[in-house]
Protein backbone atom coordinates (compact mmCIF):
# COMPACT_ATOMS: atom_id res chain seq x y z
CA MET A 1 -20.92 -26.07 24.74
CA LYS A 2 -20.53 -22.32 25.08
CA ASP A 3 -18.21 -22.21 22.07
CA ASP A 4 -20.69 -24.28 20.06
CA LEU A 5 -23.37 -21.70 20.78
CA GLU A 6 -21.12 -18.74 19.95
CA HIS A 7 -19.93 -19.89 16.53
CA PRO A 8 -23.39 -19.78 14.84
CA LEU A 9 -23.97 -16.34 16.31
CA GLN A 10 -20.62 -15.09 15.02
CA SER A 11 -21.22 -16.46 11.54
CA SER A 12 -24.70 -14.92 11.38
CA GLU A 13 -23.28 -11.56 12.48
CA LYS A 14 -20.68 -11.69 9.74
CA THR A 15 -23.26 -12.37 7.06
CA SER A 16 -26.09 -10.11 8.22
CA GLU A 17 -24.75 -7.35 10.48
CA LEU A 18 -21.12 -6.62 9.64
CA THR A 19 -20.32 -4.13 6.93
CA PRO A 20 -17.93 -5.29 4.17
CA ALA A 21 -15.05 -3.41 5.83
CA ALA A 22 -15.84 -4.86 9.25
CA ALA A 23 -16.03 -8.37 7.78
CA LEU A 24 -12.64 -7.85 6.18
CA ARG A 25 -11.21 -6.59 9.48
CA GLU A 26 -12.39 -9.73 11.23
CA ARG A 27 -10.89 -11.88 8.50
CA LEU A 28 -7.49 -10.17 8.59
CA THR A 29 -7.09 -10.37 12.36
CA ARG A 30 -8.06 -14.03 12.75
CA GLY A 31 -6.88 -17.40 11.50
CA ARG A 32 -4.43 -17.91 8.66
CA ALA A 33 -5.02 -14.44 7.24
CA ARG A 34 -2.70 -13.10 9.94
CA PHE A 35 0.22 -14.83 8.24
CA TRP A 36 -0.68 -13.14 4.95
CA VAL A 37 -0.58 -9.75 6.67
CA LEU A 38 3.03 -10.43 7.68
CA VAL A 39 3.83 -11.71 4.19
CA ALA A 40 2.43 -8.46 2.76
CA THR A 41 4.65 -6.29 4.97
CA THR A 42 7.68 -8.37 3.97
CA LEU A 43 6.76 -8.05 0.28
CA VAL A 44 6.65 -4.25 0.46
CA TRP A 45 10.01 -4.17 2.25
CA MET A 46 11.63 -6.51 -0.32
CA ILE A 47 10.34 -4.37 -3.20
CA ASP A 48 11.83 -1.29 -1.60
CA ILE A 49 15.21 -2.96 -0.92
CA THR A 50 15.47 -4.22 -4.51
CA LEU A 51 14.52 -0.83 -5.92
CA PHE A 52 16.92 1.01 -3.61
CA ARG A 53 19.87 -1.15 -4.65
CA HIS A 54 19.12 -0.59 -8.32
CA ILE A 55 18.68 3.17 -7.93
CA THR A 56 21.94 3.64 -6.05
CA GLY A 57 23.94 0.96 -7.87
CA HIS A 58 23.05 2.04 -11.42
CA HIS A 59 23.16 5.78 -10.75
CA VAL A 60 19.51 6.30 -11.57
CA VAL A 61 19.62 9.39 -9.35
CA ALA A 62 22.49 11.79 -8.84
CA THR A 63 25.13 10.57 -6.42
CA THR A 64 24.48 13.58 -4.18
CA PHE A 65 21.22 11.92 -3.17
CA ASN A 66 22.89 8.64 -2.17
CA PRO A 67 23.68 9.64 1.46
CA LEU A 68 20.04 10.63 2.00
CA LEU A 69 18.76 7.43 0.42
CA HIS A 70 21.20 5.28 2.44
CA THR A 71 20.04 6.95 5.66
CA LEU A 72 16.41 6.44 4.74
CA GLU A 73 17.08 2.81 3.89
CA LYS A 74 18.77 2.12 7.24
CA VAL A 75 15.91 3.75 9.11
CA SER A 76 13.33 1.81 7.10
CA THR A 77 15.10 -1.50 7.81
CA VAL A 78 15.09 -0.83 11.56
CA VAL A 79 11.45 0.23 11.37
CA PHE A 80 10.56 -2.90 9.40
CA VAL A 81 12.11 -5.24 11.98
CA ILE A 82 10.54 -3.44 14.96
CA VAL A 83 7.12 -3.05 13.35
CA THR A 84 7.01 -6.63 12.08
CA LEU A 85 7.75 -7.99 15.55
CA GLY A 86 5.19 -5.68 17.15
CA LEU A 87 2.62 -6.47 14.47
CA ALA A 88 3.11 -10.22 14.81
CA GLN A 89 2.73 -10.04 18.58
CA ALA A 90 -0.43 -7.94 18.32
CA LEU A 91 -1.95 -10.19 15.64
CA PHE A 92 -1.44 -13.44 17.48
CA ARG A 93 -2.63 -11.97 20.77
CA SER A 94 -5.76 -10.60 19.08
CA ARG A 95 -5.09 -6.98 20.01
CA GLN A 96 -6.77 -5.12 17.18
CA ALA A 97 -5.94 -1.63 18.48
CA SER A 98 -2.24 -2.48 18.61
CA VAL A 99 -2.40 -4.08 15.16
CA PHE A 100 -3.68 -0.86 13.62
CA ARG A 101 -1.09 1.27 15.44
CA TRP A 102 1.78 -0.87 14.16
CA ALA A 103 0.27 -0.98 10.67
CA LEU A 104 -0.08 2.81 10.66
CA ILE A 105 3.61 3.26 11.53
CA TYR A 106 4.68 0.80 8.84
CA LEU A 107 2.50 2.32 6.12
CA PHE A 108 3.69 5.82 7.01
CA PHE A 109 7.34 4.88 6.46
CA SER A 110 6.45 2.92 3.31
CA MET A 111 4.72 5.99 1.90
CA VAL A 112 7.72 8.18 2.81
CA GLN A 113 9.94 5.77 0.87
CA VAL A 114 7.71 6.02 -2.21
CA VAL A 115 7.66 9.82 -2.04
CA ALA A 116 11.45 9.93 -1.56
CA ASN A 117 12.05 7.62 -4.54
CA VAL A 118 9.77 9.64 -6.82
CA LEU A 119 11.15 13.03 -5.77
CA SER A 120 14.77 11.91 -6.10
CA MET A 121 14.10 10.59 -9.62
CA VAL A 122 12.27 13.78 -10.61
CA ALA A 123 15.08 15.96 -9.26
CA THR A 124 17.67 14.17 -11.38
CA ALA A 125 15.62 13.22 -14.45
CA SER A 126 17.44 15.69 -16.70
CA SER A 127 20.94 14.74 -15.48
CA VAL A 128 20.70 10.96 -15.94
CA ASP A 129 22.07 9.71 -19.24
CA GLY A 130 19.70 7.71 -21.36
CA GLY A 131 20.60 4.04 -21.59
CA GLY A 132 17.96 2.82 -23.98
CA LEU A 133 14.30 2.15 -23.39
CA GLY A 134 15.18 -1.08 -21.59
CA GLY A 135 16.76 1.03 -18.86
CA LEU A 136 13.40 2.59 -17.99
CA TRP A 137 12.25 -0.44 -16.00
CA ASP A 138 13.17 1.29 -12.73
CA VAL A 139 10.45 3.89 -13.42
CA ALA A 140 8.01 1.01 -13.81
CA ALA A 141 9.33 -0.46 -10.55
CA VAL A 142 8.67 2.80 -8.68
CA TYR A 143 5.24 2.89 -10.31
CA MET A 144 4.40 -0.60 -9.03
CA GLN A 145 5.83 0.22 -5.61
CA SER A 146 3.43 3.17 -5.45
CA VAL A 147 0.51 0.97 -6.53
CA THR A 148 1.36 -1.68 -3.91
CA VAL A 149 1.90 0.71 -0.99
CA PHE A 150 -1.25 2.71 -1.68
CA MET A 151 -3.22 -0.52 -2.08
CA PHE A 152 -2.32 -1.43 1.51
CA ILE A 153 -3.09 2.14 2.63
CA TYR A 154 -6.61 1.83 1.18
CA ILE A 155 -7.08 -1.50 2.94
CA PHE A 156 -5.96 0.09 6.20
CA LEU A 157 -8.28 3.09 5.77
CA ASP A 158 -11.23 0.87 4.87
CA VAL A 159 -10.96 -1.41 7.90
CA CYS A 160 -10.27 1.50 10.28
CA THR A 161 -13.03 3.86 9.12
CA PRO A 162 -16.40 3.38 10.85
CA GLY A 163 -18.72 2.04 8.17
CA GLY A 164 -15.81 1.67 5.75
CA ALA A 165 -13.93 4.14 3.57
CA PHE A 166 -15.53 2.78 0.38
CA VAL A 167 -19.01 1.78 -0.71
CA TRP A 168 -18.79 -1.57 -2.45
CA PRO A 169 -21.33 -2.16 -5.24
CA SER A 170 -23.39 -5.33 -5.24
CA ARG A 171 -25.87 -7.09 -7.48
CA ASP A 172 -29.56 -6.36 -7.02
CA GLY A 173 -30.99 -8.22 -4.05
CA GLU A 174 -27.59 -9.40 -2.82
CA PRO A 175 -25.63 -8.12 0.20
CA PRO A 176 -22.40 -6.18 -0.47
CA PRO A 177 -19.46 -8.58 -0.90
CA THR A 178 -16.55 -8.73 1.49
CA PRO A 179 -13.75 -6.89 -0.34
CA HIS A 180 -10.66 -8.77 -1.48
CA VAL A 181 -7.09 -7.56 -1.94
CA ILE A 182 -7.71 -7.58 -5.70
CA ASP A 183 -10.46 -4.99 -5.21
CA TYR A 184 -8.02 -2.62 -3.51
CA LEU A 185 -5.39 -3.35 -6.17
CA PHE A 186 -7.98 -2.38 -8.78
CA ILE A 187 -8.64 0.90 -6.96
CA SER A 188 -4.94 1.70 -6.65
CA LEU A 189 -4.23 0.89 -10.30
CA ASN A 190 -7.14 3.05 -11.41
CA VAL A 191 -5.98 6.00 -9.33
CA ASN A 192 -2.41 5.61 -10.61
CA SER A 193 -3.40 5.34 -14.27
CA THR A 194 -6.74 7.03 -14.95
CA TYR A 195 -6.56 9.75 -12.27
CA GLY A 196 -10.22 9.22 -11.45
CA PRO A 197 -12.55 7.27 -9.16
CA THR A 198 -13.38 3.64 -9.78
CA SER A 199 -16.75 1.91 -9.50
CA GLU A 200 -16.39 2.04 -5.71
CA ALA A 201 -17.58 5.29 -4.12
CA VAL A 202 -15.06 6.96 -1.79
CA MET A 203 -16.67 8.07 1.47
CA SER A 204 -13.59 8.84 3.57
CA ARG A 205 -11.89 12.23 3.39
CA PRO A 206 -8.49 10.78 4.39
CA ALA A 207 -8.86 8.28 1.54
CA LYS A 208 -9.54 11.16 -0.87
CA LEU A 209 -6.43 12.97 0.34
CA PHE A 210 -4.27 9.87 -0.16
CA MET A 211 -5.77 9.41 -3.62
CA ALA A 212 -4.84 13.00 -4.44
CA LEU A 213 -1.27 12.33 -3.27
CA GLN A 214 -1.10 9.17 -5.36
CA VAL A 215 -2.27 11.09 -8.44
CA LEU A 216 0.43 13.74 -7.93
CA LEU A 217 3.11 11.04 -7.59
CA ALA A 218 1.82 9.33 -10.73
CA ILE A 219 2.07 12.60 -12.69
CA MET A 220 5.65 13.04 -11.46
CA MET A 221 6.53 9.50 -12.51
CA LEU A 222 5.04 10.18 -15.93
CA THR A 223 7.23 13.28 -16.18
CA VAL A 224 10.33 11.22 -15.34
CA LEU A 225 9.33 8.58 -17.87
CA ILE A 226 8.96 11.15 -20.66
CA ALA A 227 12.24 12.91 -19.79
CA ARG A 228 14.18 9.65 -19.61
CA ALA A 229 12.57 8.32 -22.81
CA VAL A 230 13.53 11.46 -24.72
CA SER A 231 17.07 11.24 -23.32
CA ALA A 232 17.27 7.59 -24.39
C-alpha cells in the first residue's frame, strides 16, 4: 500500500518539480537505463581500442610515440575494467554519489585518450606519408571519438550541476523537456564543427571550459586534416 501511494507522488515530482537535468539523472540511475550507461562506457572503450590499433598498426603517428601510446592503452584497459565493475555495482545498488565518482574517473581517462590521440597526430602530421584521401579516415575517427567523449562529459556535467549545466528551450506554455542523448550529441557536434554555442544556453563554467578544450582539439584535428590532405 505504501508503494502504491509513493509512485503517484514520484511521478508528479518528475513532471512538476524536477528540472530537466534532475529528471534525466533519475532516469539514468533507475530501471533499464542503467544497462545503457554500461553499454555507453563499453562503446567509448571499443572506439578507443579500434582507433589505437589503427594508429599504431598503420604508422599514422611516428613510431617514437608507440611506447607512450601502448602504456596509455594498457592503463586505460585496466581503468575500464575497474571502473565498469565499480560503476555497475553503484548503479544496481542505487548509490548515486558512487555512480558519479566512477563516471568522473572514466570520463577523465577517456578525455586524456582523446587529447593524447590528437596531440600525437599533430606532432607527426608533417612526417606521415600521404596515402591518398581514403587514408584520412583515421582523422575522422579521432573526430568522432572527440564528439562521443565530450557528449558524455556534457551529460555528466548536466546531471551533476545543481539546476543543470544547460538551459533547455521549450515551446510556449510547455514545461522544459527531459533532455535525450541526441540533444547532447547535437551540442557536441556543434561545438566540434561550428565553434559556437547551440540553441541551448550554457550556464556552467566547467561546461564552458570543456567546450573551449573541445574547440581547441577540433582546430588541431583540422590542422592535421589539411596537412595530411596536402601530403596526399
